[in-house]
Amino acid sequence: MNITATILSDKIREIHPALDRHGIALHVSFDDGKDAWIIRLRKNGNELWTHINAADAARCLDGIECVHLGVQVGQFINYYCDGPVAACAA
């Protein structure tokens, strides 16, 4: 599968629909030097950068495993939207 930022972004949004519900900005880009996809989440000045290597991204998109990506993005949502920061509150 030829992975693009759009395809990976769509998968992330599928795994975590709370991103759109809370208005969390998502930016995905590929870093050739790291052979990894860089995922950036932003909400009200709070930001998380994480990455998923190309092989893990391919496995995720093939429906095999998305644990790393799911956990990292989920932690941002839990902390900044549902937890002590509550940056996603209306």
N, C-alpha and C. Protein backbone atom coordinates (compact mmCIF):
# COMPACT_ATOMS: atom_id res chain seq x y z
N MET A 1 0.83 -1.18 0.00
CA MET A 1 0.00 0.00 0.00
C MET A 1 0.88 1.24 0.00
N ASN A 2 0.54 2.18 -0.85
CA ASN A 2 1.23 3.46 -0.89
C ASN A 2 0.58 4.38 0.14
N ILE A 3 1.29 4.66 1.21
CA ILE A 3 0.75 5.47 2.29
C ILE A 3 0.96 6.94 1.98
N THR A 4 -0.08 7.72 2.22
CA THR A 4 0.01 9.17 2.10
C THR A 4 -0.42 9.78 3.42
N ALA A 5 -0.10 11.06 3.60
CA ALA A 5 -0.51 11.76 4.82
C ALA A 5 -2.04 11.75 4.95
N THR A 6 -2.74 11.89 3.85
CA THR A 6 -4.21 11.90 3.89
C THR A 6 -4.75 10.55 4.33
N ILE A 7 -4.22 9.48 3.79
CA ILE A 7 -4.67 8.13 4.16
C ILE A 7 -4.42 7.88 5.64
N LEU A 8 -3.24 8.23 6.13
CA LEU A 8 -2.92 8.02 7.53
C LEU A 8 -3.77 8.92 8.42
N SER A 9 -3.97 10.16 8.02
CA SER A 9 -4.84 11.07 8.78
C SER A 9 -6.25 10.52 8.89
N ASP A 10 -6.77 10.00 7.79
CA ASP A 10 -8.11 9.42 7.81
C ASP A 10 -8.19 8.24 8.77
N LYS A 11 -7.16 7.42 8.82
CA LYS A 11 -7.13 6.28 9.73
C LYS A 11 -7.10 6.75 11.18
N ILE A 12 -6.30 7.76 11.45
CA ILE A 12 -6.21 8.30 12.81
C ILE A 12 -7.57 8.84 13.24
N ARG A 13 -8.23 9.55 12.34
CA ARG A 13 -9.57 10.09 12.65
C ARG A 13 -10.60 8.97 12.83
N GLU A 14 -10.43 7.88 12.10
CA GLU A 14 -11.32 6.73 12.26
C GLU A 14 -11.13 6.10 13.63
N ILE A 15 -9.89 5.96 14.07
CA ILE A 15 -9.58 5.37 15.37
C ILE A 15 -10.04 6.29 16.50
N HIS A 16 -9.88 7.59 16.30
CA HIS A 16 -10.17 8.59 17.34
C HIS A 16 -11.13 9.67 16.82
N PRO A 17 -12.42 9.37 16.72
CA PRO A 17 -13.37 10.38 16.25
C PRO A 17 -13.46 11.59 17.18
N ALA A 18 -12.96 11.47 18.41
CA ALA A 18 -12.96 12.60 19.34
C ALA A 18 -12.11 13.76 18.83
N LEU A 19 -11.16 13.48 17.93
CA LEU A 19 -10.35 14.57 17.37
C LEU A 19 -11.24 15.61 16.72
N ASP A 20 -12.14 15.17 15.87
CA ASP A 20 -13.04 16.11 15.20
C ASP A 20 -14.07 16.67 16.17
N ARG A 21 -14.59 15.83 17.05
CA ARG A 21 -15.61 16.27 18.00
C ARG A 21 -15.09 17.40 18.89
N HIS A 22 -13.80 17.33 19.27
CA HIS A 22 -13.20 18.34 20.13
C HIS A 22 -12.46 19.43 19.36
N GLY A 23 -12.44 19.34 18.04
CA GLY A 23 -11.76 20.37 17.25
C GLY A 23 -10.25 20.35 17.40
N ILE A 24 -9.67 19.17 17.55
CA ILE A 24 -8.22 19.03 17.69
C ILE A 24 -7.60 19.00 16.30
N ALA A 25 -6.65 19.90 16.08
CA ALA A 25 -5.97 19.96 14.79
C ALA A 25 -5.01 18.79 14.65
N LEU A 26 -5.01 18.17 13.49
CA LEU A 26 -4.16 17.02 13.20
C LEU A 26 -3.34 17.33 11.96
N HIS A 27 -2.04 17.13 12.06
CA HIS A 27 -1.15 17.32 10.92
C HIS A 27 -0.25 16.09 10.83
N VAL A 28 -0.17 15.50 9.66
CA VAL A 28 0.66 14.31 9.44
C VAL A 28 1.63 14.59 8.30
N SER A 29 2.90 14.26 8.52
CA SER A 29 3.91 14.44 7.47
C SER A 29 4.94 13.32 7.60
N PHE A 30 5.66 13.07 6.52
CA PHE A 30 6.67 12.02 6.52
C PHE A 30 8.05 12.62 6.67
N ASP A 31 8.86 12.03 7.55
CA ASP A 31 10.24 12.44 7.75
C ASP A 31 11.14 11.37 7.13
N ASP A 32 11.74 11.70 5.98
CA ASP A 32 12.59 10.74 5.28
C ASP A 32 13.78 10.29 6.12
N GLY A 33 14.37 11.20 6.86
CA GLY A 33 15.54 10.88 7.68
C GLY A 33 15.24 9.86 8.77
N LYS A 34 14.04 9.91 9.30
CA LYS A 34 13.64 8.97 10.36
C LYS A 34 12.87 7.79 9.82
N ASP A 35 12.51 7.83 8.54
CA ASP A 35 11.66 6.81 7.93
C ASP A 35 10.41 6.60 8.79
N ALA A 36 9.80 7.74 9.16
CA ALA A 36 8.66 7.69 10.06
C ALA A 36 7.66 8.79 9.72
N TRP A 37 6.41 8.52 10.08
CA TRP A 37 5.35 9.51 9.96
C TRP A 37 5.30 10.31 11.25
N ILE A 38 5.29 11.63 11.12
CA ILE A 38 5.22 12.53 12.27
C ILE A 38 3.78 12.98 12.41
N ILE A 39 3.22 12.81 13.60
CA ILE A 39 1.85 13.19 13.87
C ILE A 39 1.87 14.32 14.88
N ARG A 40 1.19 15.42 14.53
CA ARG A 40 1.15 16.59 15.41
C ARG A 40 -0.31 16.89 15.73
N LEU A 41 -0.61 17.00 17.02
CA LEU A 41 -1.94 17.35 17.49
C LEU A 41 -1.86 18.67 18.23
N ARG A 42 -2.85 19.55 17.99
CA ARG A 42 -2.86 20.86 18.66
C ARG A 42 -4.27 21.22 19.08
N LYS A 43 -4.36 21.80 20.27
CA LYS A 43 -5.63 22.32 20.76
C LYS A 43 -5.34 23.38 21.80
N ASN A 44 -5.78 24.59 21.55
CA ASN A 44 -5.65 25.70 22.51
C ASN A 44 -4.24 25.85 23.06
N GLY A 45 -3.25 25.78 22.21
CA GLY A 45 -1.86 25.95 22.64
C GLY A 45 -1.21 24.70 23.19
N ASN A 46 -1.98 23.65 23.42
CA ASN A 46 -1.42 22.37 23.86
C ASN A 46 -1.06 21.58 22.61
N GLU A 47 0.07 20.90 22.67
CA GLU A 47 0.56 20.23 21.48
C GLU A 47 1.23 18.91 21.82
N LEU A 48 1.04 17.93 20.95
CA LEU A 48 1.72 16.64 21.06
C LEU A 48 2.31 16.33 19.70
N TRP A 49 3.58 15.95 19.72
CA TRP A 49 4.25 15.42 18.54
C TRP A 49 4.57 13.97 18.84
N THR A 50 4.25 13.10 17.94
CA THR A 50 4.64 11.71 18.09
C THR A 50 4.97 11.18 16.70
N HIS A 51 5.41 9.97 16.63
CA HIS A 51 5.74 9.40 15.33
C HIS A 51 5.37 7.94 15.30
N ILE A 52 5.25 7.43 14.10
CA ILE A 52 5.05 6.00 13.88
C ILE A 52 5.95 5.64 12.70
N ASN A 53 6.78 4.62 12.87
CA ASN A 53 7.69 4.30 11.78
C ASN A 53 6.90 3.76 10.59
N ALA A 54 7.50 3.81 9.44
CA ALA A 54 6.80 3.48 8.19
C ALA A 54 6.23 2.07 8.22
N ALA A 55 6.98 1.11 8.76
CA ALA A 55 6.51 -0.27 8.81
C ALA A 55 5.29 -0.41 9.72
N ASP A 56 5.31 0.26 10.87
CA ASP A 56 4.16 0.22 11.79
C ASP A 56 2.94 0.90 11.17
N ALA A 57 3.16 1.99 10.45
CA ALA A 57 2.05 2.66 9.77
C ALA A 57 1.42 1.74 8.74
N ALA A 58 2.24 1.02 8.00
CA ALA A 58 1.72 0.08 7.00
C ALA A 58 0.90 -1.02 7.67
N ARG A 59 1.40 -1.55 8.78
CA ARG A 59 0.65 -2.58 9.51
C ARG A 59 -0.68 -2.03 10.02
N CYS A 60 -0.66 -0.81 10.50
CA CYS A 60 -1.88 -0.17 10.99
C CYS A 60 -2.90 -0.05 9.86
N LEU A 61 -2.47 0.45 8.73
CA LEU A 61 -3.39 0.64 7.61
C LEU A 61 -3.86 -0.67 7.01
N ASP A 62 -3.08 -1.72 7.21
CA ASP A 62 -3.50 -3.05 6.74
C ASP A 62 -4.41 -3.73 7.76
N GLY A 63 -4.72 -3.04 8.85
CA GLY A 63 -5.63 -3.58 9.86
C GLY A 63 -4.99 -4.60 10.78
N ILE A 64 -3.67 -4.63 10.84
CA ILE A 64 -2.98 -5.61 11.67
C ILE A 64 -2.78 -5.12 13.10
N GLU A 65 -2.24 -3.90 13.24
CA GLU A 65 -1.96 -3.38 14.57
C GLU A 65 -1.80 -1.87 14.53
N CYS A 66 -2.50 -1.19 15.44
CA CYS A 66 -2.40 0.27 15.55
C CYS A 66 -2.18 0.69 16.99
N VAL A 67 -1.57 -0.16 17.78
CA VAL A 67 -1.45 0.08 19.21
C VAL A 67 -0.69 1.37 19.52
N HIS A 68 0.51 1.52 18.99
CA HIS A 68 1.34 2.69 19.32
C HIS A 68 0.60 3.98 18.98
N LEU A 69 0.12 4.05 17.79
CA LEU A 69 -0.57 5.26 17.35
C LEU A 69 -1.83 5.50 18.16
N GLY A 70 -2.58 4.47 18.40
CA GLY A 70 -3.81 4.61 19.17
C GLY A 70 -3.57 5.11 20.58
N VAL A 71 -2.54 4.59 21.21
CA VAL A 71 -2.23 4.97 22.59
C VAL A 71 -1.76 6.43 22.65
N GLN A 72 -0.85 6.82 21.79
CA GLN A 72 -0.31 8.18 21.83
C GLN A 72 -1.41 9.22 21.62
N VAL A 73 -2.20 9.03 20.59
CA VAL A 73 -3.27 10.00 20.30
C VAL A 73 -4.31 9.96 21.40
N GLY A 74 -4.65 8.78 21.87
CA GLY A 74 -5.62 8.64 22.95
C GLY A 74 -5.19 9.34 24.23
N GLN A 75 -3.90 9.29 24.54
CA GLN A 75 -3.40 9.96 25.73
C GLN A 75 -3.58 11.47 25.62
N PHE A 76 -3.35 12.04 24.46
CA PHE A 76 -3.54 13.47 24.27
C PHE A 76 -5.01 13.83 24.52
N ILE A 77 -5.90 13.08 23.90
CA ILE A 77 -7.33 13.34 24.06
C ILE A 77 -7.73 13.21 25.53
N ASN A 78 -7.30 12.13 26.16
CA ASN A 78 -7.66 11.92 27.56
C ASN A 78 -7.14 13.02 28.47
N TYR A 79 -5.92 13.45 28.26
CA TYR A 79 -5.33 14.45 29.13
C TYR A 79 -5.87 15.85 28.86
N TYR A 80 -5.85 16.25 27.60
CA TYR A 80 -6.21 17.62 27.27
C TYR A 80 -7.71 17.86 27.11
N CYS A 81 -8.47 16.82 26.86
CA CYS A 81 -9.90 17.01 26.66
C CYS A 81 -10.75 16.47 27.80
N ASP A 82 -10.36 15.35 28.34
CA ASP A 82 -11.17 14.71 29.36
C ASP A 82 -10.56 14.81 30.75
N GLY A 83 -9.29 15.19 30.82
CA GLY A 83 -8.58 15.17 32.08
C GLY A 83 -8.39 16.55 32.70
N PRO A 84 -7.26 16.72 33.40
CA PRO A 84 -7.05 17.92 34.22
C PRO A 84 -6.93 19.23 33.45
N VAL A 85 -6.50 19.18 32.20
CA VAL A 85 -6.34 20.44 31.46
C VAL A 85 -7.68 20.93 30.93
N ALA A 86 -8.52 20.02 30.47
CA ALA A 86 -9.86 20.33 29.96
C ALA A 86 -9.82 21.43 28.89
N ALA A 87 -8.81 21.40 28.04
CA ALA A 87 -8.67 22.40 26.99
C ALA A 87 -9.73 22.27 25.90
N CYS A 88 -10.43 21.17 25.88
CA CYS A 88 -11.43 20.94 24.84
C CYS A 88 -12.82 21.34 25.28
N ALA A 89 -12.95 21.81 26.50
CA ALA A 89 -14.27 22.21 27.00
C ALA A 89 -14.80 23.37 26.18
N ALA A 90 -16.09 23.40 26.07
CA ALA A 90 -16.73 24.46 25.27
C ALA A 90 -16.56 25.81 25.92
